[in-house]
Amino acid sequence: QVQLVESGGGLVQPGGSLRLSCAASGFIFSNYAMSWYRQAPGKERELVARISSGGININYADSVMGRFIISRNNVQNTVHLQMNSLKPEDTAVYLCNAGWTRASMPWGQGTQVTVSS
C-alpha cells in the first residue's frame, strides 16, 4: 500500500526557515522522481520543486528559486524541502508525490505551513 507522509510544517515568522520531510513507502522509491507541491486556500495546487530519481536533475518554481532546496535519501525513502527566507505567500499545505510531470501516487495529508508575524 502506497503511503506518503509529510511532516515538518508549522507557524513561522517571515524570513524564517522550515524543513519539510516526506516519508514514502509501498513503491520502489529510487525508481521515481519526487516532487513537492503546495495548495493555498482558494488556489490551485502548484508544483514547487522536483528532483529526479537519482537526484541529479532538480527544478524549482520561479516563486521559490533561490530560497527552497529539495533533496532526497534513497536509502531512507525520504524527500525533503528546506525552505528559507519564508514569505507570507508561502503559506499553504505542502504535499509530496512521485513523478516528474504528474503526480502518480495517492495523495497524503500534507503538512501545513503558515508564515505570519
Protein backbone atom coordinates (compact mmCIF):
# COMPACT_ATOMS: atom_id res chain seq x y z
CA GLN A 1 0.00 0.00 0.00
CA VAL A 2 1.42 3.34 -1.08
CA GLN A 3 1.88 5.89 1.68
CA LEU A 4 3.23 9.42 1.55
CA VAL A 5 3.55 11.05 4.96
CA GLU A 6 4.56 14.70 5.12
CA SER A 7 5.83 16.39 8.26
CA GLY A 8 7.74 19.43 9.47
CA GLY A 9 5.25 22.19 8.86
CA GLY A 10 4.28 24.83 11.37
CA LEU A 11 3.94 28.51 12.10
CA VAL A 12 6.98 30.64 11.29
CA GLN A 13 7.66 34.36 11.05
CA PRO A 14 8.52 35.97 7.72
CA GLY A 15 12.18 35.42 6.96
CA GLY A 16 12.26 32.20 8.92
CA SER A 17 13.03 28.65 7.84
CA LEU A 18 11.40 25.24 7.94
CA ARG A 19 12.49 21.81 6.78
CA LEU A 20 9.76 19.54 5.45
CA SER A 21 10.08 15.79 5.18
CA CYS A 22 8.16 13.19 3.21
CA ALA A 23 8.40 9.51 4.09
CA ALA A 24 7.40 7.21 1.24
CA SER A 25 6.50 3.53 1.29
CA GLY A 26 4.72 0.97 -0.85
CA PHE A 27 6.63 1.59 -4.08
CA ILE A 28 10.22 1.47 -5.32
CA PHE A 29 11.21 4.96 -4.23
CA SER A 30 14.53 5.06 -6.04
CA ASN A 31 12.78 4.48 -9.39
CA TYR A 32 10.72 7.66 -9.18
CA ALA A 33 11.30 11.36 -9.42
CA MET A 34 9.77 13.09 -6.41
CA SER A 35 8.02 16.42 -6.26
CA TRP A 36 6.77 18.87 -3.67
CA TYR A 37 3.50 20.68 -4.31
CA ARG A 38 1.59 23.25 -2.33
CA GLN A 39 -2.01 24.36 -2.20
CA ALA A 40 -3.17 27.59 -0.65
CA PRO A 41 -6.83 28.23 0.19
CA GLY A 42 -8.80 29.08 -2.91
CA LYS A 43 -5.88 28.41 -5.22
CA GLU A 44 -4.88 25.54 -7.49
CA ARG A 45 -2.24 23.07 -6.45
CA GLU A 46 1.18 24.34 -7.51
CA LEU A 47 4.36 22.41 -8.26
CA VAL A 48 7.10 23.83 -6.05
CA ALA A 49 10.14 21.64 -6.66
CA ARG A 50 11.05 18.31 -8.16
CA ILE A 51 14.07 16.03 -8.10
CA SER A 52 14.90 13.16 -10.42
CA SER A 53 15.18 9.58 -9.22
CA GLY A 54 18.94 9.79 -8.76
CA GLY A 55 18.92 13.35 -7.51
CA ILE A 56 20.80 14.76 -10.49
CA ASN A 57 18.08 16.87 -12.10
CA ILE A 58 16.26 19.45 -9.98
CA ASN A 59 13.66 22.07 -10.89
CA TYR A 60 12.09 24.85 -8.85
CA ALA A 61 9.13 27.11 -9.39
CA ASP A 62 10.22 30.68 -10.07
CA SER A 63 8.48 31.78 -6.88
CA VAL A 64 10.80 29.70 -4.67
CA MET A 65 14.03 29.71 -6.70
CA GLY A 66 16.99 30.60 -4.52
CA ARG A 67 15.04 30.11 -1.28
CA PHE A 68 14.00 26.43 -1.28
CA ILE A 69 16.19 23.35 -1.63
CA ILE A 70 14.87 19.89 -2.44
CA SER A 71 16.85 16.76 -1.56
CA ARG A 72 16.26 13.06 -1.25
CA ASN A 73 17.63 9.99 0.51
CA ASN A 74 17.10 6.80 -1.49
CA VAL A 75 18.19 4.63 1.43
CA GLN A 76 15.67 6.08 3.86
CA ASN A 77 12.99 6.65 1.17
CA THR A 78 12.59 10.27 2.11
CA VAL A 79 12.46 13.57 0.29
CA HIS A 80 13.00 16.90 1.98
CA LEU A 81 12.29 20.53 1.30
CA GLN A 82 14.45 23.10 3.05
CA MET A 83 12.57 26.38 2.97
CA ASN A 84 14.45 29.59 3.78
CA SER A 85 13.52 33.27 3.71
CA LEU A 86 9.88 32.35 4.02
CA LYS A 87 7.23 34.83 2.92
CA PRO A 88 3.55 35.10 3.82
CA GLU A 89 2.69 33.99 0.28
CA ASP A 90 4.40 30.65 1.01
CA THR A 91 1.53 29.82 3.36
CA ALA A 92 -0.10 26.61 2.11
CA VAL A 93 -0.50 22.90 2.65
CA TYR A 94 2.62 21.20 1.30
CA LEU A 95 2.38 17.75 -0.23
CA CYS A 96 4.84 15.38 -1.84
CA ASN A 97 4.24 12.91 -4.65
CA ALA A 98 6.12 10.69 -7.05
CA GLY A 99 6.61 11.64 -10.66
CA TRP A 100 8.30 14.32 -12.76
CA THR A 101 5.48 15.54 -15.00
CA ARG A 102 2.47 14.47 -12.97
CA ALA A 103 1.59 13.05 -9.57
CA SER A 104 1.43 9.29 -9.85
CA MET A 105 0.57 8.15 -6.33
CA PRO A 106 -2.38 8.73 -3.98
CA TRP A 107 -2.01 11.99 -2.08
CA GLY A 108 -1.08 12.10 1.58
CA GLN A 109 -2.48 14.52 4.14
CA GLY A 110 0.16 17.16 3.61
CA THR A 111 1.70 19.45 6.19
CA GLN A 112 0.51 22.98 6.90
CA VAL A 113 2.99 25.84 6.60
CA THR A 114 1.88 29.21 7.89
CA VAL A 115 4.12 32.26 7.52
CA SER A 116 2.87 35.10 9.64
CA SER A 117 4.09 37.64 12.15
